[in-house]
Amino acid sequence: MRDTLLIALYALLGAGAAGLLGAGTLWLLRRRSLTTSLTVVVAVAVTAMLMGTLAVAWAMFLSAHDLTVVTTVVAMAAVVSLATALLLGRWVVARSRELTLAARSFGDGGDFTAPHGPVTAELAALGRELEATSAKLAESRERERALESSRRELVAWISHDLRTPLAGLRAMAEALEDGVATDPGRYLRQIRTEVERLNDMVGDLFELSRIHAGTLALSPSRMSVYDLVGDALAGVYPLAREHGVRLVGDRVEPVPVEVDGKEMSRVLGNLLVNAIRRTPTDGTVMVAAERLPDGVVLSVTDGCGGIPEEDLPRVFDTGWRGTHARTPPAGAGLGLAIVRGIVEAHQGRATVRNIPGGCRFEVVLPAAAS
């Protein structure tokens, strides 16, 4: 028993010395290639076995011939192990280099495709993660391009919408100043109308800037959807009568919601104004509200004839006004963007879909706790 313990001690001391030497070598070479690290690890294992064997052999006082045999066997094993480690390291490094070259496509705006061929489980997992990241980056770039396009369109449309009334205001002001206005009262009324429209546009821009900056402060309170819809219908009734559009709101359930009444009234008002302006004379705009398993759904249905399928994803984008709505009084294309921003601030969602003869805008809000 004592001899066995002594042999184990000699082997431990020899292997431990090799392990410490190998750890120091790895620390010094920690910034080198994976091939170097694998070679050092294998060399440490072989050297530890060699030193442990030699220490035990020396302690056992083997003959010179036996000691030479043991040393030769271990040395040959070391050579084979080191050669195998070099080949494995070069193979892994080659696969890693291929992965690195493929990953450079990120910076060039391309899509990542994992290199073909057998790889280790870790490199395969890394390749899958890079592919997933590439897909997310592609989606992000697409959204960025869409947002940039919306910003350019918004600037162009607002510039047009501001230039037209400002030119009219300037002309009417000059006519009044020169005393050539045949009906000063009519000019003053028109000036007031244009100023109110410009004020509304500035208010929409300010509201949208707060939404995008994340500074829209909500003051939610418990209220009935029935009251919200009733107030919104009363507010747009004069516009509907002017356009000859009939308002219908007899499918509104009195379900409670926890919302900011002022902001949600703006949401319904924008949807109703948009629906009235797009519905032809003698058409109908219908408002409905009901409780569903995923929340409270408010819908506004118009008779616009439908939206082209390719435009449906852009309806709530900033500045979008469709192909037939680029002149006043269609507005600057901010109303529906404000709708989406306010609804999402309430943890809800806004959608639109075509129906026979028109389209339906739906706002889904979380139901208030009973």
Protein backbone atom coordinates (compact mmCIF):
# COMPACT_ATOMS: atom_id res chain seq x y z
CA MET A 1 0.00 0.00 0.00
CA ARG A 2 2.83 2.31 0.91
CA ASP A 3 4.55 1.63 -2.42
CA THR A 4 1.36 2.44 -4.32
CA LEU A 5 1.00 5.76 -2.50
CA LEU A 6 4.63 6.56 -3.18
CA ILE A 7 4.23 5.82 -6.90
CA ALA A 8 1.10 7.99 -7.02
CA LEU A 9 2.99 10.80 -5.30
CA TYR A 10 5.89 10.65 -7.77
CA ALA A 11 3.46 10.60 -10.72
CA LEU A 12 1.50 13.53 -9.27
CA LEU A 13 4.63 15.60 -8.75
CA GLY A 14 5.91 14.95 -12.26
CA ALA A 15 2.56 15.61 -13.93
CA GLY A 16 1.93 18.66 -11.74
CA ALA A 17 5.22 20.23 -12.76
CA ALA A 18 4.33 19.74 -16.41
CA GLY A 19 0.85 21.16 -15.81
CA LEU A 20 2.23 24.32 -14.19
CA LEU A 21 4.69 24.77 -17.02
CA GLY A 22 1.91 24.30 -19.57
CA ALA A 23 -0.39 26.78 -17.78
CA GLY A 24 2.34 29.40 -17.90
CA THR A 25 2.93 28.73 -21.57
CA LEU A 26 -0.79 29.05 -22.35
CA TRP A 27 -0.91 32.38 -20.51
CA LEU A 28 2.01 33.72 -22.53
CA LEU A 29 0.47 32.48 -25.81
CA ARG A 30 -3.14 33.41 -25.00
CA ARG A 31 -3.36 35.86 -27.91
CA ARG A 32 -2.07 33.40 -30.50
CA SER A 33 -4.11 31.19 -32.82
CA LEU A 34 -6.31 28.27 -31.82
CA THR A 35 -3.82 25.89 -33.44
CA THR A 36 -1.11 27.04 -31.05
CA SER A 37 -3.41 26.67 -28.04
CA LEU A 38 -4.48 23.14 -29.06
CA THR A 39 -0.87 22.15 -29.60
CA VAL A 40 0.13 23.47 -26.18
CA VAL A 41 -2.77 21.64 -24.50
CA VAL A 42 -1.84 18.34 -26.14
CA ALA A 43 1.83 18.93 -25.39
CA VAL A 44 0.98 19.55 -21.73
CA ALA A 45 -1.02 16.30 -21.55
CA VAL A 46 1.76 14.29 -23.20
CA THR A 47 4.50 15.95 -21.16
CA ALA A 48 2.58 15.38 -17.95
CA MET A 49 2.23 11.70 -18.80
CA LEU A 50 5.91 11.51 -19.79
CA MET A 51 7.19 13.21 -16.65
CA GLY A 52 4.92 11.17 -14.41
CA THR A 53 6.06 7.96 -16.09
CA LEU A 54 9.73 8.89 -15.93
CA ALA A 55 9.43 9.91 -12.28
CA VAL A 56 7.87 6.59 -11.37
CA ALA A 57 10.34 4.67 -13.53
CA TRP A 58 13.25 6.46 -11.88
CA ALA A 59 11.82 5.79 -8.43
CA MET A 60 11.38 2.13 -9.27
CA PHE A 61 15.05 1.92 -10.33
CA LEU A 62 14.33 0.32 -13.68
CA SER A 63 17.25 -0.82 -15.76
CA ALA A 64 18.65 1.52 -18.38
CA HIS A 65 17.16 -0.65 -21.11
CA ASP A 66 13.68 -0.67 -19.58
CA LEU A 67 13.84 3.09 -18.96
CA THR A 68 14.80 3.64 -22.60
CA VAL A 69 11.89 1.49 -23.79
CA VAL A 70 9.40 3.39 -21.66
CA THR A 71 10.80 6.75 -22.78
CA THR A 72 10.71 5.73 -26.45
CA VAL A 73 7.10 4.55 -26.25
CA VAL A 74 5.99 7.74 -24.55
CA ALA A 75 7.97 9.89 -26.98
CA MET A 76 6.33 8.23 -29.99
CA ALA A 77 2.93 8.74 -28.43
CA ALA A 78 3.84 12.40 -27.91
CA VAL A 79 4.83 12.83 -31.56
CA VAL A 80 1.59 11.28 -32.82
CA SER A 81 -0.48 13.33 -30.36
CA LEU A 82 1.21 16.59 -31.35
CA ALA A 83 0.77 15.84 -35.07
CA THR A 84 -2.91 15.07 -34.50
CA ALA A 85 -3.32 18.29 -32.51
CA LEU A 86 -1.73 20.33 -35.30
CA LEU A 87 -4.03 18.82 -37.94
CA LEU A 88 -7.10 19.32 -35.78
CA GLY A 89 -6.10 22.87 -34.96
CA ARG A 90 -5.50 23.75 -38.61
CA TRP A 91 -8.89 22.28 -39.54
CA VAL A 92 -10.72 24.22 -36.83
CA VAL A 93 -8.85 27.43 -37.68
CA ALA A 94 -9.68 26.99 -41.38
CA ARG A 95 -13.39 26.66 -40.55
CA SER A 96 -13.17 29.66 -38.22
CA ARG A 97 -11.50 31.71 -40.98
CA GLU A 98 -14.29 30.80 -43.39
CA LEU A 99 -16.84 31.90 -40.79
CA THR A 100 -14.95 35.17 -40.31
CA LEU A 101 -14.93 35.89 -44.04
CA ALA A 102 -18.65 35.14 -44.27
CA ALA A 103 -19.36 37.42 -41.31
CA ARG A 104 -17.73 40.37 -43.11
CA SER A 105 -20.86 40.61 -45.26
CA PHE A 106 -22.55 42.31 -42.30
CA GLY A 107 -20.49 45.43 -42.79
CA ASP A 108 -21.15 45.47 -46.53
CA GLY A 109 -24.93 45.37 -46.06
CA GLY A 110 -25.23 41.81 -47.34
CA ASP A 111 -26.79 38.69 -45.89
CA PHE A 112 -24.78 36.17 -43.93
CA THR A 113 -24.59 32.62 -45.22
CA ALA A 114 -22.81 30.00 -43.13
CA PRO A 115 -20.00 28.23 -44.99
CA HIS A 116 -20.74 24.73 -46.21
CA GLY A 117 -18.90 21.68 -44.94
CA PRO A 118 -18.51 19.90 -41.61
CA VAL A 119 -17.80 22.12 -38.59
CA THR A 120 -17.67 21.65 -34.86
CA ALA A 121 -20.86 21.94 -32.81
CA GLU A 122 -19.71 25.30 -31.39
CA LEU A 123 -18.97 26.77 -34.82
CA ALA A 124 -22.28 25.43 -36.15
CA ALA A 125 -24.12 27.11 -33.26
CA LEU A 126 -22.21 30.34 -33.92
CA GLY A 127 -23.15 30.15 -37.61
CA ARG A 128 -26.83 29.77 -36.74
CA GLU A 129 -26.69 32.75 -34.40
CA LEU A 130 -24.97 34.84 -37.08
CA GLU A 131 -27.66 33.86 -39.60
CA ALA A 132 -30.38 34.90 -37.16
CA THR A 133 -28.56 38.18 -36.49
CA SER A 134 -28.20 38.74 -40.25
CA ALA A 135 -31.95 38.33 -40.72
CA LYS A 136 -32.66 40.82 -37.92
CA LEU A 137 -30.19 43.32 -39.40
CA ALA A 138 -31.79 42.96 -42.82
CA GLU A 139 -35.21 43.69 -41.32
CA SER A 140 -33.75 46.67 -39.45
CA ARG A 141 -32.17 48.06 -42.62
CA GLU A 142 -35.45 47.65 -44.47
CA ARG A 143 -37.32 49.49 -41.72
CA GLU A 144 -34.70 52.23 -41.76
CA ARG A 145 -35.05 52.65 -45.52
CA ALA A 146 -38.85 52.79 -45.18
CA LEU A 147 -38.60 55.37 -42.39
CA GLU A 148 -36.16 57.47 -44.37
CA SER A 149 -38.47 57.34 -47.37
CA SER A 150 -41.39 58.38 -45.16
CA ARG A 151 -39.38 61.27 -43.75
CA ARG A 152 -38.49 62.53 -47.22
CA GLU A 153 -42.09 62.28 -48.36
CA LEU A 154 -43.28 64.01 -45.20
CA VAL A 155 -40.87 66.92 -45.67
CA ALA A 156 -41.87 67.28 -49.34
CA TRP A 157 -45.61 67.14 -48.62
CA ILE A 158 -45.50 69.46 -45.64
CA SER A 159 -43.40 71.93 -47.62
CA HIS A 160 -46.07 71.88 -50.32
CA ASP A 161 -48.94 72.12 -47.83
CA LEU A 162 -47.30 75.04 -46.04
CA ARG A 163 -46.30 76.92 -49.18
CA THR A 164 -49.79 76.92 -50.69
CA PRO A 165 -51.73 78.49 -47.76
CA LEU A 166 -48.87 80.85 -46.95
CA ALA A 167 -48.89 82.14 -50.53
CA GLY A 168 -52.65 82.65 -50.28
CA LEU A 169 -52.35 84.42 -46.93
CA ARG A 170 -49.68 86.70 -48.34
CA ALA A 171 -51.79 87.57 -51.38
CA MET A 172 -54.90 88.29 -49.26
CA ALA A 173 -52.90 90.34 -46.77
CA GLU A 174 -51.41 92.43 -49.59
CA ALA A 175 -54.87 92.93 -51.10
CA LEU A 176 -56.23 94.13 -47.77
CA GLU A 177 -53.19 96.35 -47.22
CA ASP A 178 -53.51 97.96 -50.67
CA GLY A 179 -57.26 98.38 -50.27
CA VAL A 180 -58.11 96.46 -53.45
CA ALA A 181 -60.09 93.69 -51.71
CA THR A 182 -63.67 93.80 -52.99
CA ASP A 183 -64.99 91.92 -49.94
CA PRO A 184 -62.67 92.45 -46.93
CA GLY A 185 -64.91 90.37 -44.66
CA ARG A 186 -64.62 87.32 -46.90
CA TYR A 187 -60.84 87.78 -47.07
CA LEU A 188 -60.63 87.91 -43.28
CA ARG A 189 -62.74 84.77 -42.91
CA GLN A 190 -60.54 82.95 -45.42
CA ILE A 191 -57.41 84.09 -43.61
CA ARG A 192 -58.82 82.78 -40.35
CA THR A 193 -59.63 79.41 -41.98
CA GLU A 194 -56.13 79.07 -43.38
CA VAL A 195 -54.54 80.05 -40.06
CA GLU A 196 -56.60 77.44 -38.22
CA ARG A 197 -55.55 74.80 -40.73
CA LEU A 198 -51.89 75.73 -40.30
CA ASN A 199 -52.33 75.65 -36.54
CA ASP A 200 -53.80 72.15 -36.75
CA MET A 201 -50.86 71.02 -38.87
CA VAL A 202 -48.35 72.42 -36.37
CA GLY A 203 -50.27 70.72 -33.55
CA ASP A 204 -50.09 67.38 -35.38
CA LEU A 205 -46.35 67.79 -35.90
CA PHE A 206 -45.85 68.55 -32.21
CA GLU A 207 -47.94 65.55 -31.17
CA LEU A 208 -46.03 63.26 -33.54
CA SER A 209 -42.69 64.54 -32.26
CA ARG A 210 -43.74 63.70 -28.69
CA ILE A 211 -44.78 60.21 -29.77
CA HIS A 212 -41.51 59.54 -31.57
CA ALA A 213 -39.48 60.95 -28.67
CA GLY A 214 -41.36 58.76 -26.19
CA THR A 215 -42.47 61.77 -24.15
CA LEU A 216 -46.21 61.40 -24.68
CA ALA A 217 -47.57 61.65 -21.14
CA LEU A 218 -50.78 59.69 -20.58
CA SER A 219 -53.29 60.22 -17.79
CA PRO A 220 -55.39 57.05 -17.96
CA SER A 221 -58.73 56.79 -16.22
CA ARG A 222 -61.56 54.28 -16.29
CA MET A 223 -64.32 55.19 -18.75
CA SER A 224 -66.89 53.60 -21.02
CA VAL A 225 -66.22 53.07 -24.72
CA TYR A 226 -69.81 54.13 -25.31
CA ASP A 227 -69.06 57.63 -23.99
CA LEU A 228 -65.83 57.89 -26.00
CA VAL A 229 -67.55 56.97 -29.26
CA GLY A 230 -70.52 59.23 -28.53
CA ASP A 231 -68.28 62.27 -27.96
CA ALA A 232 -66.26 61.51 -31.11
CA LEU A 233 -69.37 61.18 -33.26
CA ALA A 234 -70.73 64.46 -31.94
CA GLY A 235 -67.44 66.18 -32.78
CA VAL A 236 -67.38 65.08 -36.43
CA TYR A 237 -71.10 65.32 -37.14
CA PRO A 238 -70.82 68.80 -38.81
CA LEU A 239 -68.10 67.51 -41.14
CA ALA A 240 -70.18 64.45 -42.03
CA ARG A 241 -73.21 66.61 -42.78
CA GLU A 242 -71.08 68.88 -44.97
CA HIS A 243 -69.86 65.88 -46.99
CA GLY A 244 -73.27 64.22 -47.10
CA VAL A 245 -72.03 61.15 -45.20
CA ARG A 246 -74.22 59.23 -42.77
CA LEU A 247 -72.74 58.25 -39.39
CA VAL A 248 -73.85 54.99 -37.77
CA GLY A 249 -72.85 54.04 -34.24
CA ASP A 250 -75.52 51.63 -33.02
CA ARG A 251 -73.14 48.69 -32.43
CA VAL A 252 -71.19 50.15 -29.54
CA GLU A 253 -71.11 48.08 -26.35
CA PRO A 254 -70.66 49.99 -23.06
CA VAL A 255 -67.47 48.15 -22.09
CA PRO A 256 -64.97 49.84 -19.74
CA VAL A 257 -61.40 50.74 -20.76
CA GLU A 258 -58.47 52.34 -18.94
CA VAL A 259 -57.31 55.09 -21.32
CA ASP A 260 -56.38 58.74 -21.56
CA GLY A 261 -59.71 60.23 -22.62
CA LYS A 262 -58.20 63.22 -24.43
CA GLU A 263 -55.72 61.20 -26.47
CA MET A 264 -58.20 58.43 -27.27
CA SER A 265 -60.74 61.01 -28.42
CA ARG A 266 -58.08 62.24 -30.79
CA VAL A 267 -57.60 58.70 -32.09
CA LEU A 268 -61.31 58.25 -32.82
CA GLY A 269 -61.56 61.77 -34.24
CA ASN A 270 -58.69 61.17 -36.66
CA LEU A 271 -60.15 57.85 -37.80
CA LEU A 272 -63.60 59.33 -38.30
CA VAL A 273 -62.34 62.41 -40.15
CA ASN A 274 -60.24 60.21 -42.40
CA ALA A 275 -63.23 57.93 -43.08
CA ILE A 276 -65.61 60.83 -43.81
CA ARG A 277 -63.19 62.45 -46.26
CA ARG A 278 -62.66 59.20 -48.13
CA THR A 279 -66.34 58.20 -48.29
CA PRO A 280 -68.36 59.53 -51.25
CA THR A 281 -71.54 61.56 -50.78
CA ASP A 282 -74.51 59.50 -49.56
CA GLY A 283 -72.08 56.93 -48.19
CA THR A 284 -71.96 55.55 -44.65
CA VAL A 285 -69.30 55.54 -41.96
CA MET A 286 -69.95 52.95 -39.27
CA VAL A 287 -68.44 52.84 -35.78
CA ALA A 288 -68.55 49.71 -33.62
CA ALA A 289 -67.06 48.59 -30.31
CA GLU A 290 -67.13 45.19 -28.69
CA ARG A 291 -65.29 43.09 -26.15
CA LEU A 292 -63.25 40.19 -27.50
CA PRO A 293 -60.95 37.72 -25.73
CA ASP A 294 -57.85 39.78 -26.61
CA GLY A 295 -59.33 43.13 -25.51
CA VAL A 296 -61.77 45.83 -26.60
CA VAL A 297 -62.00 46.37 -30.37
CA LEU A 298 -63.10 49.72 -31.79
CA SER A 299 -63.66 49.75 -35.53
CA VAL A 300 -64.37 52.49 -38.08
CA THR A 301 -65.69 51.29 -41.44
CA ASP A 302 -65.85 53.61 -44.46
CA GLY A 303 -66.91 53.46 -48.11
CA CYS A 304 -63.62 54.54 -49.69
CA GLY A 305 -63.63 51.66 -52.16
CA GLY A 306 -60.61 49.97 -50.62
CA ILE A 307 -56.89 50.56 -50.39
CA PRO A 308 -54.45 48.93 -52.84
CA GLU A 309 -52.94 45.84 -51.27
CA GLU A 310 -49.41 47.13 -51.77
CA ASP A 311 -50.28 50.29 -49.78
CA LEU A 312 -51.88 48.56 -46.79
CA PRO A 313 -48.58 48.11 -44.88
CA ARG A 314 -47.87 51.86 -45.26
CA VAL A 315 -51.21 53.27 -44.16
CA PHE A 316 -49.96 54.16 -40.66
CA ASP A 317 -46.57 55.44 -41.82
CA THR A 318 -45.70 59.06 -41.18
CA GLY A 319 -46.53 61.16 -44.23
CA TRP A 320 -48.51 58.51 -46.14
CA ARG A 321 -51.61 59.89 -47.84
CA GLY A 322 -52.30 57.51 -50.68
CA THR A 323 -52.26 58.22 -54.38
CA HIS A 324 -55.36 60.41 -54.47
CA ALA A 325 -54.89 62.41 -51.30
CA ARG A 326 -51.94 64.71 -51.90
CA THR A 327 -53.82 67.98 -51.93
CA PRO A 328 -55.66 69.84 -49.16
CA PRO A 329 -57.81 69.22 -47.25
CA ALA A 330 -56.32 65.74 -46.97
CA GLY A 331 -53.76 67.00 -44.46
CA ALA A 332 -50.08 66.25 -44.11
CA GLY A 333 -50.46 62.49 -43.68
CA LEU A 334 -49.95 62.66 -39.92
CA GLY A 335 -53.37 61.66 -38.61
CA LEU A 336 -53.03 57.88 -38.92
CA ALA A 337 -49.41 57.94 -37.73
CA ILE A 338 -50.65 59.74 -34.61
CA VAL A 339 -53.39 57.12 -34.23
CA ARG A 340 -50.86 54.29 -34.20
CA GLY A 341 -48.53 56.13 -31.82
CA ILE A 342 -51.25 56.88 -29.27
CA VAL A 343 -52.73 53.37 -29.47
CA GLU A 344 -49.32 51.72 -29.00
CA ALA A 345 -48.66 54.04 -26.05
CA HIS A 346 -51.79 52.46 -24.51
CA GLN A 347 -50.30 48.97 -25.11
CA GLY A 348 -52.75 48.40 -27.95
CA ARG A 349 -52.49 48.01 -31.70
CA ALA A 350 -54.03 49.62 -34.79
CA THR A 351 -54.72 47.72 -38.01
CA VAL A 352 -56.53 48.19 -41.31
CA ARG A 353 -58.00 45.76 -43.82
CA ASN A 354 -60.14 45.96 -46.92
CA ILE A 355 -63.76 44.94 -46.95
CA PRO A 356 -66.30 44.98 -49.81
CA GLY A 357 -66.76 48.62 -50.82
CA GLY A 358 -64.29 50.14 -48.39
CA CYS A 359 -61.91 49.44 -45.55
CA ARG A 360 -62.07 48.92 -41.81
CA PHE A 361 -59.71 50.45 -39.29
CA GLU A 362 -59.54 48.57 -35.99
CA VAL A 363 -58.07 49.67 -32.67
CA VAL A 364 -57.53 46.96 -30.06
CA LEU A 365 -57.17 48.17 -26.46
CA PRO A 366 -56.63 46.21 -23.25
CA ALA A 367 -59.90 45.81 -21.37
CA ALA A 368 -60.13 47.47 -17.96
CA ALA A 369 -60.02 45.16 -14.96
CA SER A 370 -63.46 44.25 -13.71
